[in-house]
PDB file of all heavy atoms in Angstrom:
ATOM      1  N   GLU A   1       0.831  -1.196  -0.001  1.00  0.00           N
ATOM      2  CA  GLU A   1       0.000  -0.001   0.002  1.00  0.00           C
ATOM      3  C   GLU A   1       0.865   1.257  -0.006  1.00  0.00           C
ATOM      4  O   GLU A   1       0.552   2.252  -0.679  1.00  0.00           O
ATOM      5  CB  GLU A   1      -0.963   0.007   1.185  1.00  0.00           C
ATOM      6  CG  GLU A   1      -2.098  -1.014   1.058  1.00  0.00           C
ATOM      7  CD  GLU A   1      -2.861  -0.870  -0.238  1.00  0.00           C
ATOM      8  OE1 GLU A   1      -3.180   0.291  -0.621  1.00  0.00           O
ATOM      9  OE2 GLU A   1      -3.103  -1.892  -0.906  1.00  0.00           O
ATOM     10  N   GLU A   2       1.976   1.208   0.742  1.00  0.00           N
ATOM     11  CA  GLU A   2       2.889   2.358   0.736  1.00  0.00           C
ATOM     12  C   GLU A   2       3.555   2.503  -0.636  1.00  0.00           C
ATOM     13  O   GLU A   2       3.780   3.615  -1.112  1.00  0.00           O
ATOM     14  CB  GLU A   2       3.943   2.182   1.830  1.00  0.00           C
ATOM     15  CG  GLU A   2       3.381   2.309   3.238  1.00  0.00           C
ATOM     16  CD  GLU A   2       4.455   2.202   4.299  1.00  0.00           C
ATOM     17  OE1 GLU A   2       5.549   1.628   4.002  1.00  0.00           O
ATOM     18  OE2 GLU A   2       4.199   2.677   5.425  1.00  0.00           O
ATOM     19  N   VAL A   3       3.900   1.357  -1.246  1.00  0.00           N
ATOM     20  CA  VAL A   3       4.509   1.399  -2.577  1.00  0.00           C
ATOM     21  C   VAL A   3       3.554   2.052  -3.575  1.00  0.00           C
ATOM     22  O   VAL A   3       3.945   2.908  -4.380  1.00  0.00           O
ATOM     23  CB  VAL A   3       4.864  -0.019  -3.046  1.00  0.00           C
ATOM     24  CG1 VAL A   3       5.330  -0.002  -4.511  1.00  0.00           C
ATOM     25  CG2 VAL A   3       5.971  -0.630  -2.151  1.00  0.00           C
ATOM     26  N   LYS A   4       2.298   1.667  -3.526  1.00  0.00           N
ATOM     27  CA  LYS A   4       1.288   2.216  -4.442  1.00  0.00           C
ATOM     28  C   LYS A   4       1.093   3.710  -4.208  1.00  0.00           C
ATOM     29  O   LYS A   4       1.056   4.512  -5.165  1.00  0.00           O
ATOM     30  CB  LYS A   4      -0.044   1.486  -4.273  1.00  0.00           C
ATOM     31  CG  LYS A   4      -0.018   0.059  -4.784  1.00  0.00           C
ATOM     32  CD  LYS A   4      -1.367  -0.617  -4.569  1.00  0.00           C
ATOM     33  CE  LYS A   4      -1.360  -2.048  -5.125  1.00  0.00           C
ATOM     34  NZ  LYS A   4      -2.681  -2.719  -4.927  1.00  0.00           N
ATOM     35  N   ILE A   5       0.972   4.106  -2.960  1.00  0.00           N
ATOM     36  CA  ILE A   5       0.796   5.545  -2.644  1.00  0.00           C
ATOM     37  C   ILE A   5       2.005   6.346  -3.107  1.00  0.00           C
ATOM     38  O   ILE A   5       1.876   7.437  -3.679  1.00  0.00           O
ATOM     39  CB  ILE A   5       0.548   5.729  -1.141  1.00  0.00           C
ATOM     40  CG1 ILE A   5      -0.824   5.160  -0.739  1.00  0.00           C
ATOM     41  CG2 ILE A   5       0.638   7.209  -0.748  1.00  0.00           C
ATOM     42  CD1 ILE A   5      -1.057   5.071   0.750  1.00  0.00           C
ATOM     43  N   GLY A   6       3.201   5.774  -2.876  1.00  0.00           N
ATOM     44  CA  GLY A   6       4.433   6.464  -3.278  1.00  0.00           C
ATOM     45  C   GLY A   6       4.523   6.645  -4.776  1.00  0.00           C
ATOM     46  O   GLY A   6       4.952   7.711  -5.264  1.00  0.00           O
ATOM     47  N   PHE A   7       4.090   5.624  -5.544  1.00  0.00           N
ATOM     48  CA  PHE A   7       4.172   5.750  -7.000  1.00  0.00           C
ATOM     49  C   PHE A   7       3.149   6.736  -7.543  1.00  0.00           C
ATOM     50  O   PHE A   7       3.457   7.527  -8.438  1.00  0.00           O
ATOM     51  CB  PHE A   7       3.970   4.388  -7.643  1.00  0.00           C
ATOM     52  CG  PHE A   7       4.110   4.421  -9.137  1.00  0.00           C
ATOM     53  CD1 PHE A   7       5.333   4.572  -9.752  1.00  0.00           C
ATOM     54  CD2 PHE A   7       2.986   4.333  -9.959  1.00  0.00           C
ATOM     55  CE1 PHE A   7       5.478   4.632 -11.111  1.00  0.00           C
ATOM     56  CE2 PHE A   7       3.113   4.407 -11.342  1.00  0.00           C
ATOM     57  CZ  PHE A   7       4.365   4.545 -11.909  1.00  0.00           C
ATOM     58  N   GLU A   8       1.943   6.719  -7.014  1.00  0.00           N
ATOM     59  CA  GLU A   8       0.932   7.662  -7.448  1.00  0.00           C
ATOM     60  C   GLU A   8       1.344   9.110  -7.146  1.00  0.00           C
ATOM     61  O   GLU A   8       1.121  10.021  -7.931  1.00  0.00           O
ATOM     62  CB  GLU A   8      -0.425   7.338  -6.844  1.00  0.00           C
ATOM     63  CG  GLU A   8      -1.040   6.048  -7.355  1.00  0.00           C
ATOM     64  CD  GLU A   8      -1.199   6.022  -8.862  1.00  0.00           C
ATOM     65  OE1 GLU A   8      -1.537   7.096  -9.435  1.00  0.00           O
ATOM     66  OE2 GLU A   8      -1.012   4.974  -9.476  1.00  0.00           O
ATOM     67  N   ASP A   9       2.013   9.276  -5.988  1.00  0.00           N
ATOM     68  CA  ASP A   9       2.531  10.598  -5.653  1.00  0.00           C
ATOM     69  C   ASP A   9       3.614  11.019  -6.632  1.00  0.00           C
ATOM     70  O   ASP A   9       3.697  12.194  -7.033  1.00  0.00           O
ATOM     71  CB  ASP A   9       3.109  10.566  -4.219  1.00  0.00           C
ATOM     72  CG  ASP A   9       3.740  11.903  -3.812  1.00  0.00           C
ATOM     73  OD1 ASP A   9       2.987  12.822  -3.467  1.00  0.00           O
ATOM     74  OD2 ASP A   9       4.978  12.004  -3.866  1.00  0.00           O
ATOM     75  N   LEU A  10       4.432  10.048  -7.028  1.00  0.00           N
ATOM     76  CA  LEU A  10       5.496  10.327  -8.012  1.00  0.00           C
ATOM     77  C   LEU A  10       4.883  10.852  -9.316  1.00  0.00           C
ATOM     78  O   LEU A  10       5.324  11.891  -9.857  1.00  0.00           O
ATOM     79  CB  LEU A  10       6.281   9.049  -8.266  1.00  0.00           C
ATOM     80  CG  LEU A  10       7.342   9.079  -9.360  1.00  0.00           C
ATOM     81  CD1 LEU A  10       8.519   9.957  -8.933  1.00  0.00           C
ATOM     82  CD2 LEU A  10       7.834   7.680  -9.672  1.00  0.00           C
ATOM     83  N   LEU A  11       3.894  10.152  -9.852  1.00  0.00           N
ATOM     84  CA  LEU A  11       3.267  10.593 -11.094  1.00  0.00           C
ATOM     85  C   LEU A  11       2.651  11.990 -10.951  1.00  0.00           C
ATOM     86  O   LEU A  11       2.811  12.836 -11.841  1.00  0.00           O
ATOM     87  CB  LEU A  11       2.204   9.595 -11.534  1.00  0.00           C
ATOM     88  CG  LEU A  11       2.653   8.202 -11.985  1.00  0.00           C
ATOM     89  CD1 LEU A  11       1.465   7.387 -12.410  1.00  0.00           C
ATOM     90  CD2 LEU A  11       3.687   8.293 -13.101  1.00  0.00           C
ATOM     91  N   LYS A  12       1.956  12.195  -9.850  1.00  0.00           N
ATOM     92  CA  LYS A  12       1.268  13.462  -9.633  1.00  0.00           C
ATOM     93  C   LYS A  12       2.263  14.609  -9.567  1.00  0.00           C
ATOM     94  O   LYS A  12       2.063  15.648 -10.221  1.00  0.00           O
ATOM     95  CB  LYS A  12       0.440  13.383  -8.361  1.00  0.00           C
ATOM     96  CG  LYS A  12      -0.295  14.670  -8.013  1.00  0.00           C
ATOM     97  CD  LYS A  12      -1.092  14.530  -6.732  1.00  0.00           C
ATOM     98  CE  LYS A  12      -1.792  15.823  -6.353  1.00  0.00           C
ATOM     99  NZ  LYS A  12      -2.572  15.684  -5.067  1.00  0.00           N
ATOM    100  N   ARG A  13       3.311  14.444  -8.787  1.00  0.00           N
ATOM    101  CA  ARG A  13       4.275  15.545  -8.599  1.00  0.00           C
ATOM    102  C   ARG A  13       5.135  15.795  -9.835  1.00  0.00           C
ATOM    103  O   ARG A  13       5.537  16.903 -10.093  1.00  0.00           O
ATOM    104  CB  ARG A  13       5.132  15.295  -7.367  1.00  0.00           C
ATOM    105  CG  ARG A  13       4.343  15.341  -6.076  1.00  0.00           C
ATOM    106  CD  ARG A  13       5.223  15.177  -4.836  1.00  0.00           C
ATOM    107  NE  ARG A  13       4.434  15.237  -3.622  1.00  0.00           N
ATOM    108  CZ  ARG A  13       4.066  16.373  -3.022  1.00  0.00           C
ATOM    109  NH1 ARG A  13       4.448  17.533  -3.550  1.00  0.00           N
ATOM    110  NH2 ARG A  13       3.338  16.341  -1.916  1.00  0.00           N
ATOM    111  N   LEU A  14       5.399  14.716 -10.602  1.00  0.00           N
ATOM    112  CA  LEU A  14       6.140  14.905 -11.853  1.00  0.00           C
ATOM    113  C   LEU A  14       5.265  15.377 -12.996  1.00  0.00           C
ATOM    114  O   LEU A  14       5.764  15.673 -14.077  1.00  0.00           O
ATOM    115  CB  LEU A  14       6.854  13.599 -12.243  1.00  0.00           C
ATOM    116  CG  LEU A  14       8.009  13.151 -11.343  1.00  0.00           C
ATOM    117  CD1 LEU A  14       8.655  11.878 -11.901  1.00  0.00           C
ATOM    118  CD2 LEU A  14       9.062  14.233 -11.198  1.00  0.00           C
ATOM    119  N   GLN A  15       3.957  15.393 -12.761  1.00  0.00           N
ATOM    120  CA  GLN A  15       2.969  15.862 -13.740  1.00  0.00           C
ATOM    121  C   GLN A  15       3.077  15.047 -15.036  1.00  0.00           C
ATOM    122  O   GLN A  15       3.109  15.599 -16.155  1.00  0.00           O
ATOM    123  CB  GLN A  15       3.157  17.367 -14.004  1.00  0.00           C
ATOM    124  CG  GLN A  15       3.033  18.227 -12.775  1.00  0.00           C
ATOM    125  CD  GLN A  15       3.284  19.676 -13.043  1.00  0.00           C
ATOM    126  OE1 GLN A  15       2.641  20.278 -13.919  1.00  0.00           O
ATOM    127  NE2 GLN A  15       4.185  20.300 -12.269  1.00  0.00           N
ATOM    128  N   THR A  16       3.122  13.756 -14.870  1.00  0.00           N
ATOM    129  CA  THR A  16       3.194  12.832 -15.999  1.00  0.00           C
ATOM    130  C   THR A  16       2.304  11.632 -15.764  1.00  0.00           C
ATOM    131  O   THR A  16       1.910  11.375 -14.621  1.00  0.00           O
ATOM    132  CB  THR A  16       4.646  12.361 -16.218  1.00  0.00           C
ATOM    133  OG1 THR A  16       4.732  11.582 -17.390  1.00  0.00           O
ATOM    134  CG2 THR A  16       5.162  11.536 -15.041  1.00  0.00           C
ATOM    135  N   ASP A  17       1.924  10.924 -16.799  1.00  0.00           N
ATOM    136  CA  ASP A  17       1.101   9.754 -16.625  1.00  0.00           C
ATOM    137  C   ASP A  17       1.889   8.456 -16.852  1.00  0.00           C
ATOM    138  O   ASP A  17       1.303   7.369 -16.866  1.00  0.00           O
ATOM    139  CB  ASP A  17      -0.132   9.780 -17.551  1.00  0.00           C
ATOM    140  CG  ASP A  17       0.247   9.936 -19.003  1.00  0.00           C
ATOM    141  OD1 ASP A  17       1.453   9.946 -19.324  1.00  0.00           O
ATOM    142  OD2 ASP A  17      -0.700  10.063 -19.847  1.00  0.00           O
ATOM    143  N   TYR A  18       3.214   8.574 -17.022  1.00  0.00           N
ATOM    144  CA  TYR A  18       4.023   7.349 -17.165  1.00  0.00           C
ATOM    145  C   TYR A  18       5.468   7.632 -16.779  1.00  0.00           C
ATOM    146  O   TYR A  18       5.936   8.765 -16.790  1.00  0.00           O
ATOM    147  CB  TYR A  18       3.991   6.830 -18.599  1.00  0.00           C
ATOM    148  CG  TYR A  18       4.805   7.678 -19.580  1.00  0.00           C
ATOM    149  CD1 TYR A  18       6.106   7.304 -19.928  1.00  0.00           C
ATOM    150  CD2 TYR A  18       4.273   8.840 -20.138  1.00  0.00           C
ATOM    151  CE1 TYR A  18       6.850   8.078 -20.808  1.00  0.00           C
ATOM    152  CE2 TYR A  18       4.997   9.597 -21.042  1.00  0.00           C
ATOM    153  CZ  TYR A  18       6.297   9.225 -21.355  1.00  0.00           C
ATOM    154  OH  TYR A  18       7.054   9.996 -22.215  1.00  0.00           O
ATOM    155  N   ILE A  19       6.153   6.562 -16.407  1.00  0.00           N
ATOM    156  CA  ILE A  19       7.589   6.565 -16.137  1.00  0.00           C
ATOM    157  C   ILE A  19       8.238   5.592 -17.144  1.00  0.00           C
ATOM    158  O   ILE A  19       7.742   4.491 -17.332  1.00  0.00           O
ATOM    159  CB  ILE A  19       7.881   6.124 -14.691  1.00  0.00           C
ATOM    160  CG1 ILE A  19       7.235   7.076 -13.679  1.00  0.00           C
ATOM    161  CG2 ILE A  19       9.392   6.021 -14.459  1.00  0.00           C
ATOM    162  CD1 ILE A  19       7.747   8.499 -13.731  1.00  0.00           C
ATOM    163  N   ASP A  20       9.339   6.011 -17.730  1.00  0.00           N
ATOM    164  CA  ASP A  20       9.980   5.140 -18.736  1.00  0.00           C
ATOM    165  C   ASP A  20      10.523   3.870 -18.118  1.00  0.00           C
ATOM    166  O   ASP A  20      10.296   2.770 -18.628  1.00  0.00           O
ATOM    167  CB  ASP A  20      11.077   5.923 -19.448  1.00  0.00           C
ATOM    168  CG  ASP A  20      10.545   7.157 -20.154  1.00  0.00           C
ATOM    169  OD1 ASP A  20      10.077   7.023 -21.286  1.00  0.00           O
ATOM    170  OD2 ASP A  20      10.562   8.247 -19.540  1.00  0.00           O
ATOM    171  N   ILE A  21      11.292   4.015 -17.032  1.00  0.00           N
ATOM    172  CA  ILE A  21      11.861   2.848 -16.340  1.00  0.00           C
ATOM    173  C   ILE A  21      11.382   2.888 -14.905  1.00  0.00           C
ATOM    174  O   ILE A  21      11.762   3.766 -14.133  1.00  0.00           O
ATOM    175  CB  ILE A  21      13.419   2.861 -16.350  1.00  0.00           C
ATOM    176  CG1 ILE A  21      13.963   3.169 -17.735  1.00  0.00           C
ATOM    177  CG2 ILE A  21      13.935   1.537 -15.804  1.00  0.00           C
ATOM    178  CD1 ILE A  21      13.632   2.149 -18.773  1.00  0.00           C
ATOM    179  N   GLY A  22      10.524   1.936 -14.547  1.00  0.00           N
ATOM    180  CA  GLY A  22      10.093   1.819 -13.154  1.00  0.00           C
ATOM    181  C   GLY A  22      11.057   0.944 -12.389  1.00  0.00           C
ATOM    182  O   GLY A  22      11.066  -0.276 -12.521  1.00  0.00           O
ATOM    183  N   MET A  23      11.898   1.574 -11.591  1.00  0.00           N
ATOM    184  CA  MET A  23      13.035   0.909 -10.956  1.00  0.00           C
ATOM    185  C   MET A  23      12.653   0.395  -9.577  1.00  0.00           C
ATOM    186  O   MET A  23      12.373   1.175  -8.663  1.00  0.00           O
ATOM    187  CB  MET A  23      14.189   1.927 -10.836  1.00  0.00           C
ATOM    188  CG  MET A  23      15.502   1.370 -10.416  1.00  0.00           C
ATOM    189  SD  MET A  23      16.314   0.324 -11.624  1.00  0.00           S
ATOM    190  CE  MET A  23      16.416   1.398 -13.068  1.00  0.00           C
ATOM    191  N   ILE A  24      12.589  -0.938  -9.422  1.00  0.00           N
ATOM    192  CA  ILE A  24      12.355  -1.515  -8.102  1.00  0.00           C
ATOM    193  C   ILE A  24      13.592  -1.184  -7.269  1.00  0.00           C
ATOM    194  O   ILE A  24      14.722  -1.558  -7.593  1.00  0.00           O
ATOM    195  CB  ILE A  24      12.133  -3.044  -8.162  1.00  0.00           C
ATOM    196  CG1 ILE A  24      10.878  -3.335  -8.998  1.00  0.00           C
ATOM    197  CG2 ILE A  24      11.982  -3.615  -6.758  1.00  0.00           C
ATOM    198  CD1 ILE A  24      10.625  -4.800  -9.249  1.00  0.00           C
ATOM    199  N   HIS A  25      13.380  -0.526  -6.133  1.00  0.00           N
ATOM    200  CA  HIS A  25      14.448   0.142  -5.435  1.00  0.00           C
ATOM    201  C   HIS A  25      15.218  -0.757  -4.474  1.00  0.00           C
ATOM    202  O   HIS A  25      14.636  -1.405  -3.630  1.00  0.00           O
ATOM    203  CB  HIS A  25      13.870   1.332  -4.665  1.00  0.00           C
ATOM    204  CG  HIS A  25      14.888   2.179  -3.960  1.00  0.00           C
ATOM    205  ND1 HIS A  25      15.835   2.903  -4.620  1.00  0.00           N
ATOM    206  CD2 HIS A  25      15.093   2.415  -2.621  1.00  0.00           C
ATOM    207  CE1 HIS A  25      16.588   3.553  -3.756  1.00  0.00           C
ATOM    208  NE2 HIS A  25      16.170   3.264  -2.533  1.00  0.00           N
ATOM    209  N   TYR A  26      16.555  -0.816  -4.676  1.00  0.00           N
ATOM    210  CA  TYR A  26      17.510  -1.268  -3.690  1.00  0.00           C
ATOM    211  C   TYR A  26      17.227  -2.669  -3.148  1.00  0.00           C
ATOM    212  O   TYR A  26      16.774  -2.852  -2.027  1.00  0.00           O
ATOM    213  CB  TYR A  26      17.511  -0.228  -2.555  1.00  0.00           C
ATOM    214  CG  TYR A  26      18.518  -0.409  -1.444  1.00  0.00           C
ATOM    215  CD1 TYR A  26      19.522  -1.380  -1.502  1.00  0.00           C
ATOM    216  CD2 TYR A  26      18.448   0.428  -0.321  1.00  0.00           C
ATOM    217  CE1 TYR A  26      20.426  -1.530  -0.449  1.00  0.00           C
ATOM    218  CE2 TYR A  26      19.348   0.286   0.730  1.00  0.00           C
ATOM    219  CZ  TYR A  26      20.334  -0.677   0.650  1.00  0.00           C
ATOM    220  OH  TYR A  26      21.228  -0.819   1.706  1.00  0.00           O
ATOM    221  N   VAL A  27      17.572  -3.665  -3.995  1.00  0.00           N
ATOM    222  CA  VAL A  27      17.439  -5.051  -3.590  1.00  0.00           C
ATOM    223  C   VAL A  27      18.825  -5.652  -3.532  1.00  0.00           C
ATOM    224  O   VAL A  27      19.438  -5.958  -4.552  1.00  0.00           O
ATOM    225  CB  VAL A  27      16.542  -5.848  -4.580  1.00  0.00           C
ATOM    226  CG1 VAL A  27      16.394  -7.281  -4.117  1.00  0.00           C
ATOM    227  CG2 VAL A  27      15.193  -5.194  -4.711  1.00  0.00           C
ATOM    228  N   ASP A  28      19.347  -5.846  -2.318  1.00  0.00           N
ATOM    229  CA  ASP A  28      20.706  -6.383  -2.125  1.00  0.00           C
ATOM    230  C   ASP A  28      20.732  -7.742  -1.450  1.00  0.00           C
ATOM    231  O   ASP A  28      21.667  -8.511  -1.671  1.00  0.00           O
ATOM    232  CB  ASP A  28      21.527  -5.406  -1.282  1.00  0.00           C
ATOM    233  CG  ASP A  28      22.083  -4.225  -2.104  1.00  0.00           C
ATOM    234  OD1 ASP A  28      21.792  -4.180  -3.309  1.00  0.00           O
ATOM    235  OD2 ASP A  28      22.761  -3.373  -1.519  1.00  0.00           O
TER     236      ASP A  28
END
C-alpha cells in the first residue's frame, strides 16, 4: 500500500502519466 501511494505521488508531482523505467528500489 505504501509502494502504491508512493508511486501515485510520483506521477502526480512529476505531472506525467508514465515513467519510462520503473526501478524496483535497492534489492541487495
